[in-house]
Amino acid sequence: MRKSFANVVLAAVAAMRTKRQTRRNAKMLQHLSDAQLEDIGLKRADVWHLY
């Protein structure tokens, strides 16, 4: 029982870290110019659609 609870907690922590990194990536992309986004194959509308 204890081991499975620990696994749930670890999974929740991992999910929170992933979500935080995803938000960070989206914010970073949001600060790029339209030309920079186009250089990497994205449009401004894609930033929040992808994240």
PDB file of N, CA and C in Angstrom:
ATOM      1  N   MET A   1       0.833  -1.195   0.000  1.00  0.00           N
ATOM      2  CA  MET A   1       0.000   0.000   0.000  1.00  0.00           C
ATOM      3  C   MET A   1       0.874   1.254   0.000  1.00  0.00           C
ATOM      4  N   ARG A   2       1.892   1.265   0.810  1.00  0.00           N
ATOM      5  CA  ARG A   2       2.751   2.430   0.935  1.00  0.00           C
ATOM      6  C   ARG A   2       3.490   2.711  -0.379  1.00  0.00           C
ATOM      7  N   LYS A   3       3.945   1.653  -1.031  1.00  0.00           N
ATOM      8  CA  LYS A   3       4.686   1.827  -2.269  1.00  0.00           C
ATOM      9  C   LYS A   3       3.799   2.417  -3.363  1.00  0.00           C
ATOM     10  N   SER A   4       2.578   2.000  -3.466  1.00  0.00           N
ATOM     11  CA  SER A   4       1.691   2.528  -4.494  1.00  0.00           C
ATOM     12  C   SER A   4       1.341   3.996  -4.229  1.00  0.00           C
ATOM     13  N   PHE A   5       1.212   4.380  -2.962  1.00  0.00           N
ATOM     14  CA  PHE A   5       0.956   5.785  -2.636  1.00  0.00           C
ATOM     15  C   PHE A   5       2.151   6.635  -3.035  1.00  0.00           C
ATOM     16  N   ALA A   6       3.339   6.135  -2.782  1.00  0.00           N
ATOM     17  CA  ALA A   6       4.558   6.849  -3.165  1.00  0.00           C
ATOM     18  C   ALA A   6       4.617   7.014  -4.679  1.00  0.00           C
ATOM     19  N   ASN A   7       4.219   6.000  -5.403  1.00  0.00           N
ATOM     20  CA  ASN A   7       4.210   6.078  -6.863  1.00  0.00           C
ATOM     21  C   ASN A   7       3.224   7.138  -7.355  1.00  0.00           C
ATOM     22  N   VAL A   8       2.088   7.237  -6.702  1.00  0.00           N
ATOM     23  CA  VAL A   8       1.092   8.260  -7.070  1.00  0.00           C
ATOM     24  C   VAL A   8       1.656   9.641  -6.812  1.00  0.00           C
ATOM     25  N   VAL A   9       2.303   9.817  -5.686  1.00  0.00           N
ATOM     26  CA  VAL A   9       2.894  11.113  -5.351  1.00  0.00           C
ATOM     27  C   VAL A   9       3.994  11.464  -6.352  1.00  0.00           C
ATOM     28  N   LEU A  10       4.850  10.524  -6.661  1.00  0.00           N
ATOM     29  CA  LEU A  10       5.922  10.768  -7.635  1.00  0.00           C
ATOM     30  C   LEU A  10       5.358  11.102  -9.013  1.00  0.00           C
ATOM     31  N   ALA A  11       4.307  10.431  -9.400  1.00  0.00           N
ATOM     32  CA  ALA A  11       3.682  10.716 -10.689  1.00  0.00           C
ATOM     33  C   ALA A  11       3.068  12.113 -10.705  1.00  0.00           C
ATOM     34  N   ALA A  12       2.466  12.511  -9.602  1.00  0.00           N
ATOM     35  CA  ALA A  12       1.877  13.853  -9.514  1.00  0.00           C
ATOM     36  C   ALA A  12       2.961  14.922  -9.583  1.00  0.00           C
ATOM     37  N   VAL A  13       4.056  14.708  -8.907  1.00  0.00           N
ATOM     38  CA  VAL A  13       5.173  15.659  -8.940  1.00  0.00           C
ATOM     39  C   VAL A  13       5.736  15.744 -10.354  1.00  0.00           C
ATOM     40  N   ALA A  14       5.893  14.618 -11.014  1.00  0.00           N
ATOM     41  CA  ALA A  14       6.398  14.608 -12.389  1.00  0.00           C
ATOM     42  C   ALA A  14       5.451  15.348 -13.327  1.00  0.00           C
ATOM     43  N   ALA A  15       4.158  15.173 -13.131  1.00  0.00           N
ATOM     44  CA  ALA A  15       3.169  15.862 -13.966  1.00  0.00           C
ATOM     45  C   ALA A  15       3.227  17.371 -13.747  1.00  0.00           C
ATOM     46  N   MET A  16       3.408  17.801 -12.505  1.00  0.00           N
ATOM     47  CA  MET A  16       3.512  19.237 -12.216  1.00  0.00           C
ATOM     48  C   MET A  16       4.760  19.828 -12.848  1.00  0.00           C
ATOM     49  N   ARG A  17       5.869  19.095 -12.801  1.00  0.00           N
ATOM     50  CA  ARG A  17       7.108  19.569 -13.425  1.00  0.00           C
ATOM     51  C   ARG A  17       6.946  19.688 -14.935  1.00  0.00           C
ATOM     52  N   THR A  18       6.307  18.714 -15.533  1.00  0.00           N
ATOM     53  CA  THR A  18       6.086  18.746 -16.970  1.00  0.00           C
ATOM     54  C   THR A  18       5.211  19.926 -17.357  1.00  0.00           C
ATOM     55  N   LYS A  19       4.154  20.154 -16.596  1.00  0.00           N
ATOM     56  CA  LYS A  19       3.250  21.281 -16.863  1.00  0.00           C
ATOM     57  C   LYS A  19       3.988  22.610 -16.735  1.00  0.00           C
ATOM     58  N   ARG A  20       4.816  22.738 -15.718  1.00  0.00           N
ATOM     59  CA  ARG A  20       5.586  23.965 -15.507  1.00  0.00           C
ATOM     60  C   ARG A  20       6.547  24.202 -16.678  1.00  0.00           C
ATOM     61  N   GLN A  21       7.225  23.152 -17.117  1.00  0.00           N
ATOM     62  CA  GLN A  21       8.150  23.278 -18.246  1.00  0.00           C
ATOM     63  C   GLN A  21       7.402  23.643 -19.525  1.00  0.00           C
ATOM     64  N   THR A  22       6.224  23.077 -19.709  1.00  0.00           N
ATOM     65  CA  THR A  22       5.407  23.381 -20.884  1.00  0.00           C
ATOM     66  C   THR A  22       5.014  24.849 -20.900  1.00  0.00           C
ATOM     67  N   ARG A  23       4.583  25.369 -19.750  1.00  0.00           N
ATOM     68  CA  ARG A  23       4.239  26.799 -19.665  1.00  0.00           C
ATOM     69  C   ARG A  23       5.452  27.672 -19.943  1.00  0.00           C
ATOM     70  N   ARG A  24       6.605  27.276 -19.414  1.00  0.00           N
ATOM     71  CA  ARG A  24       7.844  28.019 -19.639  1.00  0.00           C
ATOM     72  C   ARG A  24       8.186  28.056 -21.135  1.00  0.00           C
ATOM     73  N   ASN A  25       8.055  26.921 -21.791  1.00  0.00           N
ATOM     74  CA  ASN A  25       8.338  26.859 -23.231  1.00  0.00           C
ATOM     75  C   ASN A  25       7.391  27.752 -24.023  1.00  0.00           C
ATOM     76  N   ALA A  26       6.116  27.716 -23.682  1.00  0.00           N
ATOM     77  CA  ALA A  26       5.133  28.539 -24.386  1.00  0.00           C
ATOM     78  C   ALA A  26       5.424  30.019 -24.190  1.00  0.00           C
ATOM     79  N   LYS A  27       5.779  30.410 -22.972  1.00  0.00           N
ATOM     80  CA  LYS A  27       6.108  31.817 -22.715  1.00  0.00           C
ATOM     81  C   LYS A  27       7.343  32.238 -23.491  1.00  0.00           C
ATOM     82  N   MET A  28       8.331  31.360 -23.560  1.00  0.00           N
ATOM     83  CA  MET A  28       9.538  31.667 -24.304  1.00  0.00           C
ATOM     84  C   MET A  28       9.215  31.873 -25.791  1.00  0.00           C
ATOM     85  N   LEU A  29       8.411  30.983 -26.342  1.00  0.00           N
ATOM     86  CA  LEU A  29       8.018  31.108 -27.745  1.00  0.00           C
ATOM     87  C   LEU A  29       7.184  32.360 -27.984  1.00  0.00           C
ATOM     88  N   GLN A  30       6.374  32.724 -27.019  1.00  0.00           N
ATOM     89  CA  GLN A  30       5.517  33.895 -27.141  1.00  0.00           C
ATOM     90  C   GLN A  30       6.345  35.170 -27.301  1.00  0.00           C
ATOM     91  N   HIS A  31       7.551  35.179 -26.764  1.00  0.00           N
ATOM     92  CA  HIS A  31       8.409  36.362 -26.841  1.00  0.00           C
ATOM     93  C   HIS A  31       9.173  36.467 -28.154  1.00  0.00           C
ATOM     94  N   LEU A  32       9.131  35.431 -28.969  1.00  0.00           N
ATOM     95  CA  LEU A  32       9.811  35.487 -30.265  1.00  0.00           C
ATOM     96  C   LEU A  32       9.001  36.325 -31.248  1.00  0.00           C
ATOM     97  N   SER A  33       9.688  36.891 -32.204  1.00  0.00           N
ATOM     98  CA  SER A  33       9.000  37.661 -33.245  1.00  0.00           C
ATOM     99  C   SER A  33       8.328  36.695 -34.220  1.00  0.00           C
ATOM    100  N   ASP A  34       7.423  37.236 -35.037  1.00  0.00           N
ATOM    101  CA  ASP A  34       6.762  36.399 -36.043  1.00  0.00           C
ATOM    102  C   ASP A  34       7.781  35.798 -37.003  1.00  0.00           C
ATOM    103  N   ALA A  35       8.811  36.576 -37.343  1.00  0.00           N
ATOM    104  CA  ALA A  35       9.849  36.082 -38.255  1.00  0.00           C
ATOM    105  C   ALA A  35      10.631  34.931 -37.619  1.00  0.00           C
ATOM    106  N   GLN A  36      10.943  35.057 -36.334  1.00  0.00           N
ATOM    107  CA  GLN A  36      11.662  33.987 -35.642  1.00  0.00           C
ATOM    108  C   GLN A  36      10.809  32.729 -35.547  1.00  0.00           C
ATOM    109  N   LEU A  37       9.535  32.908 -35.268  1.00  0.00           N
ATOM    110  CA  LEU A  37       8.639  31.749 -35.217  1.00  0.00           C
ATOM    111  C   LEU A  37       8.557  31.078 -36.581  1.00  0.00           C
ATOM    112  N   GLU A  38       8.483  31.886 -37.625  1.00  0.00           N
ATOM    113  CA  GLU A  38       8.412  31.327 -38.977  1.00  0.00           C
ATOM    114  C   GLU A  38       9.677  30.538 -39.303  1.00  0.00           C
ATOM    115  N   ASP A  39      10.825  31.014 -38.818  1.00  0.00           N
ATOM    116  CA  ASP A  39      12.088  30.308 -39.048  1.00  0.00           C
ATOM    117  C   ASP A  39      12.068  28.896 -38.478  1.00  0.00           C
ATOM    118  N   ILE A  40      11.340  28.695 -37.407  1.00  0.00           N
ATOM    119  CA  ILE A  40      11.272  27.355 -36.815  1.00  0.00           C
ATOM    120  C   ILE A  40       9.978  26.626 -37.194  1.00  0.00           C
ATOM    121  N   GLY A  41       9.266  27.189 -38.167  1.00  0.00           N
ATOM    122  CA  GLY A  41       8.096  26.501 -38.703  1.00  0.00           C
ATOM    123  C   GLY A  41       6.820  26.679 -37.911  1.00  0.00           C
ATOM    124  N   LEU A  42       6.724  27.756 -37.134  1.00  0.00           N
ATOM    125  CA  LEU A  42       5.525  28.003 -36.334  1.00  0.00           C
ATOM    126  C   LEU A  42       4.908  29.342 -36.688  1.00  0.00           C
ATOM    127  N   LYS A  43       3.644  29.465 -36.366  1.00  0.00           N
ATOM    128  CA  LYS A  43       2.946  30.747 -36.432  1.00  0.00           C
ATOM    129  C   LYS A  43       2.527  31.096 -35.015  1.00  0.00           C
ATOM    130  N   ARG A  44       2.248  32.364 -34.786  1.00  0.00           N
ATOM    131  CA  ARG A  44       1.906  32.809 -33.429  1.00  0.00           C
ATOM    132  C   ARG A  44       0.740  31.999 -32.854  1.00  0.00           C
ATOM    133  N   ALA A  45      -0.250  31.703 -33.667  1.00  0.00           N
ATOM    134  CA  ALA A  45      -1.413  30.950 -33.182  1.00  0.00           C
ATOM    135  C   ALA A  45      -1.041  29.525 -32.765  1.00  0.00           C
ATOM    136  N   ASP A  46       0.053  29.006 -33.332  1.00  0.00           N
ATOM    137  CA  ASP A  46       0.477  27.638 -32.998  1.00  0.00           C
ATOM    138  C   ASP A  46       1.021  27.531 -31.583  1.00  0.00           C
ATOM    139  N   VAL A  47       1.557  28.635 -31.063  1.00  0.00           N
ATOM    140  CA  VAL A  47       2.240  28.564 -29.764  1.00  0.00           C
ATOM    141  C   VAL A  47       1.301  28.035 -28.690  1.00  0.00           C
ATOM    142  N   TRP A  48       0.147  28.647 -28.507  1.00  0.00           N
ATOM    143  CA  TRP A  48      -0.752  28.188 -27.440  1.00  0.00           C
ATOM    144  C   TRP A  48      -1.552  26.972 -27.871  1.00  0.00           C
ATOM    145  N   HIS A  49      -1.709  26.783 -29.179  1.00  0.00           N
ATOM    146  CA  HIS A  49      -2.399  25.575 -29.648  1.00  0.00           C
ATOM    147  C   HIS A  49      -1.571  24.331 -29.330  1.00  0.00           C
ATOM    148  N   LEU A  50      -0.261  24.445 -29.498  1.00  0.00           N
ATOM    149  CA  LEU A  50       0.620  23.310 -29.218  1.00  0.00           C
ATOM    150  C   LEU A  50       0.781  23.059 -27.736  1.00  0.00           C
ATOM    151  N   TYR A  51       0.735  24.133 -26.961  1.00  0.00           N
ATOM    152  CA  TYR A  51       0.971  24.007 -25.529  1.00  0.00           C
ATOM    153  C   TYR A  51      -0.293  24.225 -24.791  1.00  0.00           C
TER     154      TYR A  51
END
